[in-house]
Protein backbone atom coordinates (compact mmCIF):
# COMPACT_ATOMS: atom_id res chain seq x y z
CA MET A 1 -35.61 9.24 -24.92
CA LYS A 2 -35.50 5.84 -24.93
CA MET A 3 -31.61 6.27 -25.88
CA ASN A 4 -31.07 8.81 -23.09
CA PHE A 5 -32.52 6.31 -20.44
CA SER A 6 -30.25 3.55 -21.72
CA VAL A 7 -27.24 5.77 -21.44
CA PHE A 8 -28.41 6.83 -18.14
CA ILE A 9 -28.61 3.31 -17.13
CA LEU A 10 -25.44 2.22 -18.51
CA LEU A 11 -23.43 5.10 -16.88
CA MET A 12 -24.61 4.64 -13.41
CA SER A 13 -23.74 1.07 -14.07
CA LEU A 14 -20.24 2.07 -14.65
CA LEU A 15 -19.90 4.48 -11.86
CA SER A 16 -21.52 2.05 -8.99
CA CYS A 17 -18.78 -0.54 -9.79
CA GLN A 18 -16.21 2.05 -8.95
CA GLU A 19 -15.07 0.48 -5.18
CA ARG A 20 -11.98 2.49 -4.89
CA LYS A 21 -11.10 6.45 -4.52
CA ALA A 22 -9.60 7.70 -7.88
CA THR A 23 -6.65 8.89 -6.77
CA ASP A 24 -2.97 9.33 -7.68
CA SER A 25 -1.56 9.40 -4.16
CA LEU A 26 -1.15 5.48 -4.35
CA GLU A 27 2.38 5.39 -5.52
CA PRO A 28 4.41 2.94 -3.56
CA VAL A 29 7.35 4.23 -1.36
CA ALA A 30 10.56 4.19 -3.56
CA LYS A 31 13.35 1.71 -2.35
CA GLY A 32 15.91 4.69 -1.60
CA ASP A 33 13.19 6.59 0.61
CA TYR A 34 12.11 3.72 2.73
CA PHE A 35 14.64 3.60 5.48
CA GLU A 36 15.66 6.72 6.66
CA PRO A 37 19.73 7.56 6.91
CA GLY A 38 21.04 7.40 10.32
CA LYS A 39 18.32 5.44 12.19
CA GLU A 40 18.87 1.95 13.21
CA TYR A 41 16.94 -0.56 12.46
CA VAL A 42 17.49 -3.72 14.48
CA HIS A 43 15.47 -6.11 12.07
CA MET A 44 18.17 -5.67 9.39
CA ILE A 45 21.10 -6.54 11.50
CA PRO A 46 22.00 -10.26 11.41
CA ASP A 47 21.35 -12.09 14.57
CA SER A 48 24.94 -12.92 15.25
CA LEU A 49 25.80 -9.13 15.20
CA ARG A 50 23.29 -8.00 17.57
CA THR A 51 24.02 -6.73 20.78
CA ALA A 52 21.85 -7.87 23.99
CA GLU A 53 19.62 -4.37 23.89
CA GLN A 54 19.36 -4.60 20.38
CA GLN A 55 18.14 -8.44 20.58
CA ALA A 56 15.66 -7.16 23.13
CA VAL A 57 14.45 -4.49 20.82
CA TYR A 58 13.98 -7.02 18.05
CA ASP A 59 11.78 -9.25 20.15
CA LYS A 60 9.92 -6.83 21.19
CA LEU A 61 9.15 -5.70 17.48
CA GLN A 62 8.23 -9.61 16.88
CA LYS A 63 6.11 -9.69 19.64
CA MET A 64 3.98 -6.33 19.30
CA ILE A 65 3.96 -5.19 15.34
CA PRO A 66 1.58 -8.11 14.65
CA ARG A 67 -0.70 -7.07 17.45
CA ILE A 68 -0.31 -3.62 16.17
CA TYR A 69 -1.42 -4.43 12.86
CA VAL A 70 -4.39 -6.61 14.26
CA GLU A 71 -5.52 -3.92 16.49
CA HIS A 72 -4.95 -0.46 14.89
CA VAL A 73 -5.38 -1.30 11.14
CA VAL A 74 -8.78 -0.87 9.24
CA VAL A 75 -10.24 -0.63 6.08
CA GLU A 76 -11.76 2.76 4.82
CA ASP A 77 -12.60 3.51 1.06
CA SER A 78 -11.23 0.30 0.19
CA LEU A 79 -7.54 1.24 1.63
CA LEU A 80 -5.78 0.08 4.77
CA VAL A 81 -5.90 2.53 7.22
CA PHE A 82 -3.47 2.81 10.37
CA LYS A 83 -5.79 4.27 13.36
CA MET A 84 -2.65 4.73 15.67
CA THR A 85 -1.27 7.81 16.47
CA ARG A 86 2.58 8.58 16.86
CA ASP A 87 2.26 9.30 20.64
CA GLU A 88 0.33 6.15 21.24
CA PHE A 89 3.08 4.28 19.17
CA ALA A 90 5.54 5.85 21.46
CA GLU A 91 3.72 4.69 24.28
CA THR A 92 4.49 0.86 23.34
CA GLY A 93 8.28 1.64 23.74
CA LEU A 94 9.05 1.01 20.09
CA PRO A 95 11.49 2.88 18.20
CA GLU A 96 10.00 5.75 16.48
CA GLN A 97 11.36 4.87 13.16
CA TYR A 98 8.87 1.70 13.24
CA TYR A 99 6.01 3.84 13.13
CA ASP A 100 7.14 5.57 9.71
CA LEU A 101 7.78 1.98 8.65
CA LEU A 102 4.38 0.42 9.48
CA LEU A 103 2.77 3.63 7.31
CA LYS A 104 5.08 3.37 4.40
CA ASP A 105 4.25 -0.88 4.57
CA LEU A 106 0.43 0.05 4.41
CA LYS A 107 1.27 2.62 1.63
CA ASN A 108 2.96 -0.21 -0.40
CA VAL A 109 0.12 -2.70 0.20
CA ASN A 110 -2.52 -0.06 -0.72
CA ALA A 111 -0.32 0.83 -3.82
CA PHE A 112 -0.28 -2.86 -4.82
CA PHE A 113 -3.71 -3.75 -4.37
CA TYR A 114 -4.88 -0.74 -5.93
CA SER A 115 -2.72 -1.65 -9.27
CA GLY A 116 -4.73 -4.81 -9.83
CA TYR A 117 -3.08 -7.28 -7.87
CA ASP A 118 -5.62 -8.38 -5.40
CA GLY A 119 -6.13 -11.74 -6.66
CA GLY A 120 -9.87 -11.09 -6.83
CA GLN A 121 -10.33 -10.52 -3.25
CA SER A 122 -11.34 -7.24 -1.54
CA MET A 123 -9.36 -5.24 0.95
CA GLU A 124 -11.85 -5.87 3.72
CA ALA A 125 -11.25 -9.66 3.24
CA PHE A 126 -7.51 -9.40 2.66
CA LEU A 127 -7.46 -7.80 6.11
CA GLU A 128 -10.15 -9.96 7.84
CA ASP A 129 -7.97 -12.91 6.34
CA GLY A 130 -4.70 -11.77 8.04
CA LYS A 131 -6.41 -11.06 11.36
CA LYS A 132 -7.90 -14.41 11.43
CA ARG A 133 -4.75 -16.05 10.49
CA TYR A 134 -2.68 -14.04 13.38
CA LYS A 135 -5.72 -15.23 15.91
CA GLU A 136 -5.40 -18.53 14.81
CA LEU A 137 -1.73 -18.48 15.39
CA MET A 138 -1.90 -17.24 18.90
CA GLU A 139 -4.45 -19.77 19.77
CA GLN A 140 -2.19 -22.39 18.34
CA ASN A 141 0.99 -20.94 20.33
CA ALA A 142 -0.84 -20.75 23.45
CA GLU A 143 -2.10 -24.36 23.04
CA GLU A 144 1.45 -25.75 22.34
CA ASN A 145 2.48 -23.39 25.68
CA ASN A 146 -0.05 -25.31 27.36
CA GLY A 147 1.14 -28.56 26.54
CA ILE A 148 4.62 -27.43 27.54
CA LEU A 149 3.25 -26.53 30.81
CA GLU A 150 1.52 -29.77 31.29
CA ASN A 151 4.80 -31.70 30.58
CA ASN A 152 6.90 -29.23 32.89
CA ASN A 153 4.83 -30.37 36.03
CA THR A 154 7.80 -30.51 38.90
CA GLY A 155 5.91 -33.51 40.61
CA ASN A 156 5.18 -31.94 43.75
CA GLY A 157 1.96 -30.51 42.59
CA GLU A 158 3.59 -27.09 41.15
CA GLU A 159 3.72 -26.28 37.71
CA ASP A 160 7.14 -24.85 36.45
CA ILE A 161 5.91 -21.95 34.13
CA SER A 162 9.03 -19.75 33.63
CA ALA A 163 8.92 -18.48 30.18
CA ASN A 164 6.21 -20.42 28.79
CA THR A 165 3.24 -18.35 29.17
CA LEU A 166 2.02 -15.85 26.58
CA PRO A 167 1.31 -12.62 27.95
CA SER A 168 -2.18 -11.63 28.51
CA LYS A 169 -3.72 -8.91 26.14
CA GLU A 170 -3.64 -6.36 28.92
CA ASN A 171 0.30 -6.72 28.59
CA TRP A 172 0.48 -6.40 24.85
């Protein structure tokens, strides 16, 4: 009886230590499957070869993708999950192939974490740390832009605010 109880306690201890789902679907996306043939990926085009239209898309990607990650990626069952529908993504005006890239990136991060390369950090801590760093960077950029605004005073009591302000959250 004492042996059965000890085995039961040991088994429960081992089972309670399992944080992640037991699944075999956490394989990384193969390099050959990462980019879809026939789709244009402007971030892969060198700066000097981009057209003005491609540069505008690239600039929008640079601005929007980090914000999308911060606002729409959550942790569920110790895995990163993208909580934005394809239709919601389309409303951002970004090319649809980048929605698929975001999903593939999250799948790769989950596979990397699940394979044991988590550096002793939980997925929740990993995501929160990334969000915190993003917010700090945005605050730092806002402070730097405010300093630029103060230095751009035209001398007649008006400030020159051309292209030196960050968009409000409503305009993200």
